[in-house]
Amino acid sequence: MTDFKIVGDGFQMGPINLTVYDSQKLLVYGPNGGGKTTFLLGILGTLKTKGSLMIDDVEISSLHIEKRGVAYQPANPVMIPNLKVMEILKLADPDYDNGLIEELKLGRLLDVKGSKLSAGQARLIQILAVLFSKAKVALLDEPYSFLSEEYRNSVFELMMKSKKIVITTAQERDERFDTFLHLTHG
């Protein structure tokens, strides 16, 4: 991104100049209200932006949200209430990794409707759907929220194994990531 700005009623974030390469993992960190979610929503295309935003040498800033090649997991778990977990995962990728589902001990959830999931279960399914998607970039907003320590470690390992560019948010810096963006003012 070059001179990337997110603009709204009475505020501007940026300009941000940053390059994230294929398969790299970017951690956007800072305090509550620091602008982390705003940054992700600008990349996603739900907020007005200026400047350049490119994926694989293709300018995406003017593309509609569905054409950007970006998948997003919001900070608050939201599920499609009437779909079963397996249907949600198939929407992300019809050939989703069932072995990974079993490895994470989530197989028992495949026939459960989204409305019956706990916040932590919904968070895990959201993260899997984003990582299973065909998108080139995965945006994970506070992915560790609502998760046990065991699942936090599993999610971290999944992010690191992913071939996607993964951009995630947290309040604290985590040195295990490839690159960092520190935001302090929303």
N, C-alpha and C. Protein backbone atom coordinates (compact mmCIF):
# COMPACT_ATOMS: atom_id res chain seq x y z
N MET A 1 0.84 -1.16 0.00
CA MET A 1 0.00 0.00 0.00
C MET A 1 0.89 1.23 0.00
N THR A 2 0.46 2.20 -0.78
CA THR A 2 1.22 3.43 -0.92
C THR A 2 0.30 4.61 -0.66
N ASP A 3 0.68 5.46 0.27
CA ASP A 3 -0.14 6.61 0.64
C ASP A 3 -1.59 6.20 0.91
N PHE A 4 -1.78 5.04 1.52
CA PHE A 4 -3.10 4.49 1.81
C PHE A 4 -3.71 5.25 2.99
N LYS A 5 -4.91 5.78 2.77
CA LYS A 5 -5.62 6.53 3.80
C LYS A 5 -7.04 6.00 3.89
N ILE A 6 -7.56 5.98 5.11
CA ILE A 6 -8.96 5.67 5.34
C ILE A 6 -9.58 6.98 5.79
N VAL A 7 -10.63 7.39 5.10
CA VAL A 7 -11.24 8.69 5.38
C VAL A 7 -12.71 8.51 5.72
N GLY A 8 -13.17 9.33 6.64
CA GLY A 8 -14.56 9.29 7.05
C GLY A 8 -15.00 10.66 7.49
N ASP A 9 -16.16 10.71 8.10
CA ASP A 9 -16.70 11.96 8.60
C ASP A 9 -15.81 12.49 9.72
N GLY A 10 -15.01 13.48 9.40
CA GLY A 10 -14.20 14.13 10.40
C GLY A 10 -12.94 13.40 10.82
N PHE A 11 -12.55 12.34 10.11
CA PHE A 11 -11.30 11.67 10.49
C PHE A 11 -10.56 11.17 9.26
N GLN A 12 -9.28 11.00 9.44
CA GLN A 12 -8.44 10.37 8.42
C GLN A 12 -7.38 9.54 9.13
N MET A 13 -7.20 8.33 8.66
CA MET A 13 -6.11 7.48 9.15
C MET A 13 -5.11 7.35 8.01
N GLY A 14 -3.87 7.59 8.32
CA GLY A 14 -2.83 7.46 7.31
C GLY A 14 -2.24 8.80 6.98
N PRO A 15 -1.37 8.86 6.02
CA PRO A 15 -1.08 7.82 5.02
C PRO A 15 -0.21 6.69 5.59
N ILE A 16 -0.49 5.50 5.10
CA ILE A 16 0.26 4.31 5.48
C ILE A 16 0.97 3.79 4.24
N ASN A 17 2.26 3.56 4.36
CA ASN A 17 3.06 2.98 3.30
C ASN A 17 3.62 1.67 3.84
N LEU A 18 3.23 0.57 3.22
CA LEU A 18 3.56 -0.74 3.76
C LEU A 18 3.52 -1.76 2.64
N THR A 19 4.48 -2.67 2.66
CA THR A 19 4.48 -3.78 1.71
C THR A 19 4.47 -5.08 2.50
N VAL A 20 3.52 -5.95 2.16
CA VAL A 20 3.44 -7.28 2.75
C VAL A 20 3.52 -8.26 1.59
N TYR A 21 4.46 -9.17 1.65
CA TYR A 21 4.69 -10.09 0.54
C TYR A 21 3.88 -11.37 0.71
N ASP A 22 3.80 -12.15 -0.37
CA ASP A 22 3.06 -13.41 -0.37
C ASP A 22 3.38 -14.23 0.87
N SER A 23 2.36 -14.75 1.49
CA SER A 23 2.44 -15.65 2.65
C SER A 23 2.94 -14.98 3.93
N GLN A 24 3.22 -13.69 3.90
CA GLN A 24 3.68 -13.03 5.12
C GLN A 24 2.51 -12.82 6.08
N LYS A 25 2.86 -12.67 7.34
CA LYS A 25 1.89 -12.46 8.41
C LYS A 25 2.15 -11.10 9.04
N LEU A 26 1.16 -10.21 8.92
CA LEU A 26 1.25 -8.86 9.46
C LEU A 26 0.42 -8.77 10.72
N LEU A 27 1.02 -8.26 11.78
CA LEU A 27 0.30 -7.99 13.02
C LEU A 27 0.10 -6.48 13.13
N VAL A 28 -1.18 -6.08 13.20
CA VAL A 28 -1.54 -4.69 13.45
C VAL A 28 -1.89 -4.63 14.93
N TYR A 29 -1.12 -3.85 15.69
CA TYR A 29 -1.34 -3.86 17.13
C TYR A 29 -1.43 -2.45 17.69
N GLY A 30 -2.06 -2.37 18.85
CA GLY A 30 -2.21 -1.09 19.53
C GLY A 30 -3.36 -1.15 20.49
N PRO A 31 -3.61 -0.05 21.19
CA PRO A 31 -4.64 -0.04 22.22
C PRO A 31 -6.06 -0.05 21.63
N ASN A 32 -7.04 -0.31 22.50
CA ASN A 32 -8.44 -0.17 22.08
C ASN A 32 -8.64 1.23 21.53
N GLY A 33 -9.37 1.31 20.42
CA GLY A 33 -9.62 2.61 19.81
C GLY A 33 -8.46 3.14 19.01
N GLY A 34 -7.43 2.33 18.80
CA GLY A 34 -6.25 2.76 18.07
C GLY A 34 -6.40 2.76 16.56
N GLY A 35 -7.46 2.16 16.04
CA GLY A 35 -7.70 2.16 14.60
C GLY A 35 -7.46 0.82 13.91
N LYS A 36 -7.26 -0.24 14.67
CA LYS A 36 -6.94 -1.54 14.08
C LYS A 36 -8.09 -2.05 13.20
N THR A 37 -9.30 -2.04 13.73
CA THR A 37 -10.45 -2.51 12.96
C THR A 37 -10.71 -1.58 11.77
N THR A 38 -10.56 -0.29 11.97
CA THR A 38 -10.73 0.67 10.88
C THR A 38 -9.77 0.36 9.74
N PHE A 39 -8.54 0.03 10.07
CA PHE A 39 -7.54 -0.33 9.06
C PHE A 39 -8.00 -1.55 8.27
N LEU A 40 -8.46 -2.60 8.97
CA LEU A 40 -8.94 -3.80 8.28
C LEU A 40 -10.14 -3.50 7.39
N LEU A 41 -11.07 -2.70 7.89
CA LEU A 41 -12.27 -2.37 7.10
C LEU A 41 -11.92 -1.54 5.87
N GLY A 42 -10.86 -0.75 5.96
CA GLY A 42 -10.39 -0.02 4.78
C GLY A 42 -9.86 -0.97 3.73
N ILE A 43 -9.09 -1.96 4.14
CA ILE A 43 -8.57 -2.96 3.20
C ILE A 43 -9.72 -3.77 2.61
N LEU A 44 -10.68 -4.13 3.45
CA LEU A 44 -11.84 -4.91 3.01
C LEU A 44 -12.66 -4.14 1.97
N GLY A 45 -12.72 -2.84 2.13
CA GLY A 45 -13.47 -2.03 1.17
C GLY A 45 -14.80 -1.53 1.70
N THR A 46 -15.02 -1.60 3.00
CA THR A 46 -16.28 -1.11 3.56
C THR A 46 -16.18 0.34 4.01
N LEU A 47 -14.97 0.89 4.03
CA LEU A 47 -14.77 2.30 4.35
C LEU A 47 -14.10 2.98 3.16
N LYS A 48 -14.32 4.27 3.04
CA LYS A 48 -13.74 5.04 1.95
C LYS A 48 -12.24 5.16 2.15
N THR A 49 -11.49 4.94 1.08
CA THR A 49 -10.03 5.03 1.13
C THR A 49 -9.50 5.89 -0.01
N LYS A 50 -8.27 6.31 0.17
CA LYS A 50 -7.51 7.00 -0.89
C LYS A 50 -6.15 6.34 -0.94
N GLY A 51 -5.46 6.53 -2.04
CA GLY A 51 -4.13 5.94 -2.19
C GLY A 51 -4.21 4.59 -2.87
N SER A 52 -3.11 3.89 -2.84
CA SER A 52 -2.98 2.63 -3.57
C SER A 52 -3.02 1.44 -2.63
N LEU A 53 -3.78 0.42 -3.04
CA LEU A 53 -3.86 -0.85 -2.31
C LEU A 53 -3.78 -1.94 -3.37
N MET A 54 -2.69 -2.71 -3.35
CA MET A 54 -2.45 -3.70 -4.39
C MET A 54 -2.28 -5.10 -3.81
N ILE A 55 -2.78 -6.08 -4.55
CA ILE A 55 -2.54 -7.49 -4.26
C ILE A 55 -2.04 -8.12 -5.55
N ASP A 56 -0.90 -8.76 -5.48
CA ASP A 56 -0.29 -9.39 -6.67
C ASP A 56 -0.20 -8.42 -7.85
N ASP A 57 0.27 -7.22 -7.58
CA ASP A 57 0.44 -6.19 -8.60
C ASP A 57 -0.86 -5.75 -9.26
N VAL A 58 -2.00 -6.01 -8.62
CA VAL A 58 -3.29 -5.57 -9.13
C VAL A 58 -3.85 -4.55 -8.14
N GLU A 59 -4.18 -3.36 -8.64
CA GLU A 59 -4.78 -2.32 -7.80
C GLU A 59 -6.21 -2.74 -7.45
N ILE A 60 -6.49 -2.86 -6.15
CA ILE A 60 -7.82 -3.33 -5.74
C ILE A 60 -8.65 -2.25 -5.05
N SER A 61 -8.09 -1.08 -4.81
CA SER A 61 -8.79 -0.08 -4.02
C SER A 61 -10.10 0.38 -4.65
N SER A 62 -10.23 0.29 -5.95
CA SER A 62 -11.48 0.70 -6.60
C SER A 62 -12.41 -0.48 -6.87
N LEU A 63 -11.98 -1.70 -6.54
CA LEU A 63 -12.81 -2.88 -6.79
C LEU A 63 -13.88 -3.04 -5.72
N HIS A 64 -15.00 -3.62 -6.13
CA HIS A 64 -16.08 -3.93 -5.19
C HIS A 64 -15.58 -4.98 -4.20
N ILE A 65 -16.16 -5.01 -3.03
CA ILE A 65 -15.70 -5.87 -1.93
C ILE A 65 -15.55 -7.34 -2.34
N GLU A 66 -16.48 -7.86 -3.16
CA GLU A 66 -16.43 -9.27 -3.55
C GLU A 66 -15.30 -9.58 -4.53
N LYS A 67 -14.75 -8.57 -5.16
CA LYS A 67 -13.72 -8.79 -6.18
C LYS A 67 -12.31 -8.51 -5.67
N ARG A 68 -12.17 -8.17 -4.43
CA ARG A 68 -10.87 -7.78 -3.89
C ARG A 68 -9.96 -8.95 -3.57
N GLY A 69 -10.50 -10.13 -3.35
CA GLY A 69 -9.66 -11.26 -2.96
C GLY A 69 -9.29 -11.21 -1.49
N VAL A 70 -10.19 -10.66 -0.68
CA VAL A 70 -9.96 -10.47 0.74
C VAL A 70 -11.10 -11.12 1.52
N ALA A 71 -10.77 -11.88 2.55
CA ALA A 71 -11.77 -12.49 3.44
C ALA A 71 -11.59 -11.90 4.83
N TYR A 72 -12.71 -11.71 5.55
CA TYR A 72 -12.68 -10.99 6.82
C TYR A 72 -13.39 -11.75 7.92
N GLN A 73 -12.76 -11.81 9.08
CA GLN A 73 -13.36 -12.35 10.30
C GLN A 73 -13.50 -11.18 11.26
N PRO A 74 -14.75 -10.78 11.58
CA PRO A 74 -14.94 -9.61 12.44
C PRO A 74 -14.58 -9.89 13.90
N ALA A 75 -14.42 -8.81 14.65
CA ALA A 75 -14.04 -8.93 16.06
C ALA A 75 -15.10 -9.64 16.89
N ASN A 76 -16.37 -9.44 16.57
CA ASN A 76 -17.44 -10.11 17.31
C ASN A 76 -17.95 -11.29 16.50
N PRO A 77 -17.99 -12.47 17.10
CA PRO A 77 -18.44 -13.65 16.36
C PRO A 77 -19.88 -13.51 15.87
N VAL A 78 -20.06 -13.75 14.59
CA VAL A 78 -21.37 -13.71 13.96
C VAL A 78 -21.48 -14.95 13.08
N MET A 79 -22.58 -15.67 13.20
CA MET A 79 -22.79 -16.86 12.38
C MET A 79 -24.10 -16.73 11.63
N ILE A 80 -24.19 -17.44 10.52
CA ILE A 80 -25.45 -17.53 9.80
C ILE A 80 -26.30 -18.52 10.59
N PRO A 81 -27.36 -18.06 11.26
CA PRO A 81 -28.03 -18.88 12.26
C PRO A 81 -28.64 -20.18 11.76
N ASN A 82 -29.15 -20.20 10.54
CA ASN A 82 -29.86 -21.40 10.07
C ASN A 82 -29.00 -22.37 9.29
N LEU A 83 -27.73 -22.03 9.08
CA LEU A 83 -26.84 -22.94 8.37
C LEU A 83 -26.07 -23.79 9.36
N LYS A 84 -25.83 -25.03 9.00
CA LYS A 84 -24.98 -25.90 9.80
C LYS A 84 -23.52 -25.51 9.55
N VAL A 85 -22.67 -25.85 10.49
CA VAL A 85 -21.24 -25.53 10.38
C VAL A 85 -20.67 -26.06 9.07
N MET A 86 -21.00 -27.30 8.69
CA MET A 86 -20.46 -27.85 7.44
C MET A 86 -20.90 -27.02 6.24
N GLU A 87 -22.11 -26.46 6.28
CA GLU A 87 -22.60 -25.63 5.18
C GLU A 87 -21.85 -24.30 5.14
N ILE A 88 -21.56 -23.75 6.31
CA ILE A 88 -20.80 -22.50 6.39
C ILE A 88 -19.40 -22.71 5.81
N LEU A 89 -18.76 -23.81 6.20
CA LEU A 89 -17.41 -24.09 5.69
C LEU A 89 -17.42 -24.37 4.19
N LYS A 90 -18.46 -25.02 3.70
CA LYS A 90 -18.56 -25.29 2.25
C LYS A 90 -18.77 -24.01 1.46
N LEU A 91 -19.42 -23.02 2.06
CA LEU A 91 -19.54 -21.73 1.39
C LEU A 91 -18.17 -21.10 1.18
N ALA A 92 -17.29 -21.26 2.17
CA ALA A 92 -15.93 -20.72 2.06
C ALA A 92 -15.11 -21.51 1.05
N ASP A 93 -15.22 -22.83 1.11
CA ASP A 93 -14.47 -23.71 0.21
C ASP A 93 -15.17 -25.06 0.16
N PRO A 94 -15.74 -25.43 -0.98
CA PRO A 94 -16.44 -26.71 -1.08
C PRO A 94 -15.55 -27.91 -0.73
N ASP A 95 -14.25 -27.74 -0.83
CA ASP A 95 -13.31 -28.82 -0.52
C ASP A 95 -12.55 -28.54 0.77
N TYR A 96 -13.25 -27.98 1.77
CA TYR A 96 -12.57 -27.64 3.01
C TYR A 96 -11.89 -28.85 3.62
N ASP A 97 -10.91 -28.61 4.45
CA ASP A 97 -10.05 -29.65 5.02
C ASP A 97 -10.71 -30.32 6.22
N ASN A 98 -11.39 -31.42 5.97
CA ASN A 98 -12.08 -32.14 7.04
C ASN A 98 -11.08 -32.72 8.05
N GLY A 99 -9.90 -33.08 7.60
CA GLY A 99 -8.87 -33.58 8.50
C GLY A 99 -8.48 -32.54 9.54
N LEU A 100 -8.42 -31.29 9.11
CA LEU A 100 -8.11 -30.21 10.03
C LEU A 100 -9.24 -30.03 11.04
N ILE A 101 -10.46 -30.18 10.59
CA ILE A 101 -11.62 -30.09 11.49
C ILE A 101 -11.50 -31.14 12.59
N GLU A 102 -11.14 -32.35 12.20
CA GLU A 102 -10.99 -33.43 13.19
C GLU A 102 -9.79 -33.17 14.10
N GLU A 103 -8.70 -32.68 13.53
CA GLU A 103 -7.51 -32.37 14.32
C GLU A 103 -7.82 -31.35 15.41
N LEU A 104 -8.68 -30.40 15.08
CA LEU A 104 -9.07 -29.37 16.04
C LEU A 104 -10.21 -29.82 16.96
N LYS A 105 -10.62 -31.07 16.79
CA LYS A 105 -11.71 -31.65 17.60
C LYS A 105 -13.01 -30.88 17.43
N LEU A 106 -13.29 -30.49 16.18
CA LEU A 106 -14.51 -29.75 15.88
C LEU A 106 -15.50 -30.57 15.06
N GLY A 107 -15.17 -31.84 14.78
CA GLY A 107 -16.04 -32.68 13.97
C GLY A 107 -17.44 -32.79 14.52
N ARG A 108 -17.59 -32.78 15.83
CA ARG A 108 -18.91 -32.89 16.45
C ARG A 108 -19.78 -31.67 16.16
N LEU A 109 -19.16 -30.59 15.68
CA LEU A 109 -19.92 -29.37 15.40
C LEU A 109 -20.45 -29.29 13.97
N LEU A 110 -20.01 -30.17 13.09
CA LEU A 110 -20.34 -30.04 11.67
C LEU A 110 -21.84 -30.00 11.40
N ASP A 111 -22.64 -30.72 12.18
CA ASP A 111 -24.08 -30.74 11.98
C ASP A 111 -24.84 -29.76 12.87
N VAL A 112 -24.11 -28.91 13.58
CA VAL A 112 -24.73 -27.95 14.48
C VAL A 112 -25.01 -26.66 13.72
N LYS A 113 -26.20 -26.08 13.95
CA LYS A 113 -26.55 -24.81 13.31
C LYS A 113 -25.78 -23.66 13.97
N GLY A 114 -25.49 -22.65 13.17
CA GLY A 114 -24.74 -21.49 13.65
C GLY A 114 -25.33 -20.86 14.89
N SER A 115 -26.64 -20.86 15.01
CA SER A 115 -27.31 -20.24 16.16
C SER A 115 -27.05 -20.98 17.46
N LYS A 116 -26.57 -22.22 17.39
CA LYS A 116 -26.35 -23.03 18.59
C LYS A 116 -24.89 -23.02 19.07
N LEU A 117 -24.03 -22.30 18.37
CA LEU A 117 -22.61 -22.27 18.72
C LEU A 117 -22.34 -21.27 19.84
N SER A 118 -21.38 -21.60 20.69
CA SER A 118 -20.91 -20.63 21.68
C SER A 118 -20.08 -19.57 20.94
N ALA A 119 -19.76 -18.48 21.63
CA ALA A 119 -18.95 -17.43 21.01
C ALA A 119 -17.59 -17.96 20.57
N GLY A 120 -16.98 -18.81 21.40
CA GLY A 120 -15.68 -19.38 21.05
C GLY A 120 -15.76 -20.31 19.85
N GLN A 121 -16.81 -21.14 19.81
CA GLN A 121 -17.00 -22.05 18.67
C GLN A 121 -17.26 -21.25 17.40
N ALA A 122 -18.10 -20.22 17.50
CA ALA A 122 -18.38 -19.38 16.33
C ALA A 122 -17.09 -18.71 15.84
N ARG A 123 -16.26 -18.25 16.78
CA ARG A 123 -14.99 -17.62 16.40
C ARG A 123 -14.12 -18.60 15.63
N LEU A 124 -13.98 -19.83 16.13
CA LEU A 124 -13.16 -20.84 15.43
C LEU A 124 -13.68 -21.11 14.03
N ILE A 125 -14.97 -21.26 13.88
CA ILE A 125 -15.56 -21.54 12.57
C ILE A 125 -15.34 -20.36 11.63
N GLN A 126 -15.50 -19.14 12.14
CA GLN A 126 -15.22 -17.95 11.32
C GLN A 126 -13.78 -17.94 10.82
N ILE A 127 -12.86 -18.20 11.71
CA ILE A 127 -11.44 -18.19 11.34
C ILE A 127 -11.16 -19.27 10.30
N LEU A 128 -11.71 -20.46 10.51
CA LEU A 128 -11.51 -21.54 9.53
C LEU A 128 -12.09 -21.15 8.18
N ALA A 129 -13.29 -20.57 8.18
CA ALA A 129 -13.92 -20.18 6.91
C ALA A 129 -13.04 -19.17 6.17
N VAL A 130 -12.47 -18.22 6.89
CA VAL A 130 -11.61 -17.22 6.24
C VAL A 130 -10.33 -17.88 5.72
N LEU A 131 -9.73 -18.75 6.53
CA LEU A 131 -8.49 -19.39 6.09
C LEU A 131 -8.73 -20.43 5.00
N PHE A 132 -9.91 -21.04 4.96
CA PHE A 132 -10.25 -22.00 3.90
C PHE A 132 -10.66 -21.31 2.60
N SER A 133 -11.05 -20.05 2.67
CA SER A 133 -11.58 -19.34 1.50
C SER A 133 -10.53 -19.25 0.39
N LYS A 134 -11.00 -18.89 -0.79
CA LYS A 134 -10.12 -18.72 -1.95
C LYS A 134 -9.43 -17.36 -1.95
N ALA A 135 -9.74 -16.51 -0.99
CA ALA A 135 -9.15 -15.17 -0.91
C ALA A 135 -7.63 -15.26 -0.78
N LYS A 136 -6.95 -14.28 -1.31
CA LYS A 136 -5.49 -14.22 -1.20
C LYS A 136 -5.04 -13.59 0.10
N VAL A 137 -5.95 -12.79 0.70
CA VAL A 137 -5.63 -12.09 1.94
C VAL A 137 -6.70 -12.43 2.98
N ALA A 138 -6.26 -12.80 4.18
CA ALA A 138 -7.15 -13.09 5.30
C ALA A 138 -6.99 -11.98 6.33
N LEU A 139 -8.11 -11.34 6.67
CA LEU A 139 -8.14 -10.31 7.70
C LEU A 139 -8.79 -10.90 8.93
N LEU A 140 -8.04 -11.00 10.02
CA LEU A 140 -8.54 -11.60 11.26
C LEU A 140 -8.51 -10.54 12.36
N ASP A 141 -9.69 -10.09 12.77
CA ASP A 141 -9.80 -9.03 13.76
C ASP A 141 -9.94 -9.64 15.16
N GLU A 142 -8.90 -9.45 15.97
CA GLU A 142 -8.85 -9.99 17.33
C GLU A 142 -9.18 -11.49 17.34
N PRO A 143 -8.45 -12.31 16.59
CA PRO A 143 -8.82 -13.72 16.44
C PRO A 143 -8.73 -14.54 17.72
N TYR A 144 -7.99 -14.07 18.70
CA TYR A 144 -7.84 -14.88 19.92
C TYR A 144 -8.96 -14.65 20.93
N SER A 145 -9.78 -13.61 20.71
CA SER A 145 -10.88 -13.34 21.63
C SER A 145 -11.82 -14.53 21.69
N PHE A 146 -12.35 -14.80 22.85
CA PHE A 146 -13.33 -15.86 23.07
C PHE A 146 -12.74 -17.26 23.02
N LEU A 147 -11.43 -17.40 22.86
CA LEU A 147 -10.82 -18.72 22.71
C LEU A 147 -10.02 -19.12 23.93
N SER A 148 -10.00 -20.43 24.19
CA SER A 148 -9.15 -20.97 25.25
C SER A 148 -7.69 -20.88 24.79
N GLU A 149 -6.78 -21.05 25.74
CA GLU A 149 -5.35 -21.01 25.42
C GLU A 149 -4.99 -22.06 24.37
N GLU A 150 -5.57 -23.25 24.49
CA GLU A 150 -5.31 -24.33 23.52
C GLU A 150 -5.70 -23.90 22.11
N TYR A 151 -6.88 -23.31 21.98
CA TYR A 151 -7.33 -22.90 20.65
C TYR A 151 -6.58 -21.66 20.17
N ARG A 152 -6.14 -20.80 21.06
CA ARG A 152 -5.31 -19.66 20.63
C ARG A 152 -4.05 -20.18 19.96
N ASN A 153 -3.42 -21.18 20.56
CA ASN A 153 -2.22 -21.76 19.96
C ASN A 153 -2.53 -22.41 18.63
N SER A 154 -3.65 -23.12 18.53
CA SER A 154 -4.04 -23.77 17.28
C SER A 154 -4.29 -22.73 16.18
N VAL A 155 -4.98 -21.65 16.53
CA VAL A 155 -5.25 -20.59 15.55
C VAL A 155 -3.94 -19.95 15.09
N PHE A 156 -3.04 -19.70 16.02
CA PHE A 156 -1.75 -19.13 15.62
C PHE A 156 -1.03 -20.06 14.63
N GLU A 157 -0.99 -21.35 14.93
CA GLU A 157 -0.34 -22.31 14.03
C GLU A 157 -1.02 -22.33 12.66
N LEU A 158 -2.35 -22.27 12.63
CA LEU A 158 -3.08 -22.24 11.35
C LEU A 158 -2.72 -21.00 10.54
N MET A 159 -2.66 -19.85 11.21
CA MET A 159 -2.29 -18.61 10.52
C MET A 159 -0.90 -18.73 9.93
N MET A 160 0.04 -19.25 10.70
CA MET A 160 1.41 -19.33 10.24
C MET A 160 1.58 -20.33 9.09
N LYS A 161 0.79 -21.40 9.07
CA LYS A 161 0.86 -22.40 8.00
C LYS A 161 0.18 -21.93 6.72
N SER A 162 -0.73 -20.97 6.85
CA SER A 162 -1.50 -20.53 5.69
C SER A 162 -0.60 -19.95 4.61
N LYS A 163 -0.93 -20.19 3.38
CA LYS A 163 -0.20 -19.64 2.25
C LYS A 163 -0.70 -18.23 1.90
N LYS A 164 -1.73 -17.80 2.58
CA LYS A 164 -2.29 -16.47 2.36
C LYS A 164 -1.45 -15.41 3.06
N ILE A 165 -1.61 -14.17 2.61
CA ILE A 165 -1.19 -13.05 3.44
C ILE A 165 -2.23 -12.99 4.55
N VAL A 166 -1.77 -12.99 5.79
CA VAL A 166 -2.67 -12.91 6.94
C VAL A 166 -2.37 -11.61 7.67
N ILE A 167 -3.42 -10.80 7.82
CA ILE A 167 -3.32 -9.56 8.58
C ILE A 167 -4.24 -9.71 9.78
N THR A 168 -3.66 -9.63 10.95
CA THR A 168 -4.43 -9.84 12.17
C THR A 168 -4.20 -8.69 13.14
N THR A 169 -5.13 -8.54 14.07
CA THR A 169 -5.02 -7.46 15.05
C THR A 169 -4.88 -8.02 16.45
N ALA A 170 -4.23 -7.25 17.30
CA ALA A 170 -4.09 -7.58 18.71
C ALA A 170 -3.70 -6.30 19.45
N GLN A 171 -3.81 -6.33 20.74
CA GLN A 171 -3.42 -5.16 21.52
C GLN A 171 -1.92 -5.11 21.79
N GLU A 172 -1.30 -6.27 21.82
CA GLU A 172 0.13 -6.34 22.15
C GLU A 172 0.93 -6.85 20.94
N ARG A 173 2.16 -6.43 20.85
CA ARG A 173 3.08 -6.91 19.81
C ARG A 173 3.46 -8.36 20.11
N ASP A 174 3.51 -9.17 19.08
CA ASP A 174 3.88 -10.59 19.18
C ASP A 174 5.01 -10.81 18.18
N GLU A 175 6.20 -11.04 18.67
CA GLU A 175 7.41 -11.12 17.83
C GLU A 175 7.40 -12.30 16.86
N ARG A 176 6.46 -13.20 16.97
CA ARG A 176 6.41 -14.36 16.07
C ARG A 176 5.91 -14.00 14.68
N PHE A 177 5.39 -12.79 14.48
CA PHE A 177 4.88 -12.37 13.18
C PHE A 177 6.03 -11.87 12.31
N ASP A 178 5.77 -11.77 10.99
CA ASP A 178 6.80 -11.33 10.04
C ASP A 178 7.00 -9.84 10.03
N THR A 179 5.91 -9.11 10.12
CA THR A 179 5.98 -7.66 10.01
C THR A 179 4.90 -7.05 10.90
N PHE A 180 5.03 -5.73 11.18
CA PHE A 180 4.19 -5.11 12.19
C PHE A 180 3.74 -3.73 11.74
N LEU A 181 2.56 -3.36 12.21
CA LEU A 181 2.06 -2.00 12.07
C LEU A 181 1.49 -1.62 13.43
N HIS A 182 2.06 -0.58 14.03
CA HIS A 182 1.62 -0.12 15.35
C HIS A 182 0.71 1.08 15.17
N LEU A 183 -0.55 0.95 15.58
CA LEU A 183 -1.51 2.04 15.50
C LEU A 183 -1.85 2.50 16.91
N THR A 184 -1.86 3.81 17.10
CA THR A 184 -2.12 4.32 18.44
C THR A 184 -3.28 5.31 18.50
N HIS A 185 -3.72 5.82 17.37
CA HIS A 185 -4.82 6.80 17.37
C HIS A 185 -5.84 6.41 16.31
N GLY A 186 -7.07 6.23 16.75
CA GLY A 186 -8.14 5.86 15.83
C GLY A 186 -8.57 7.00 14.96
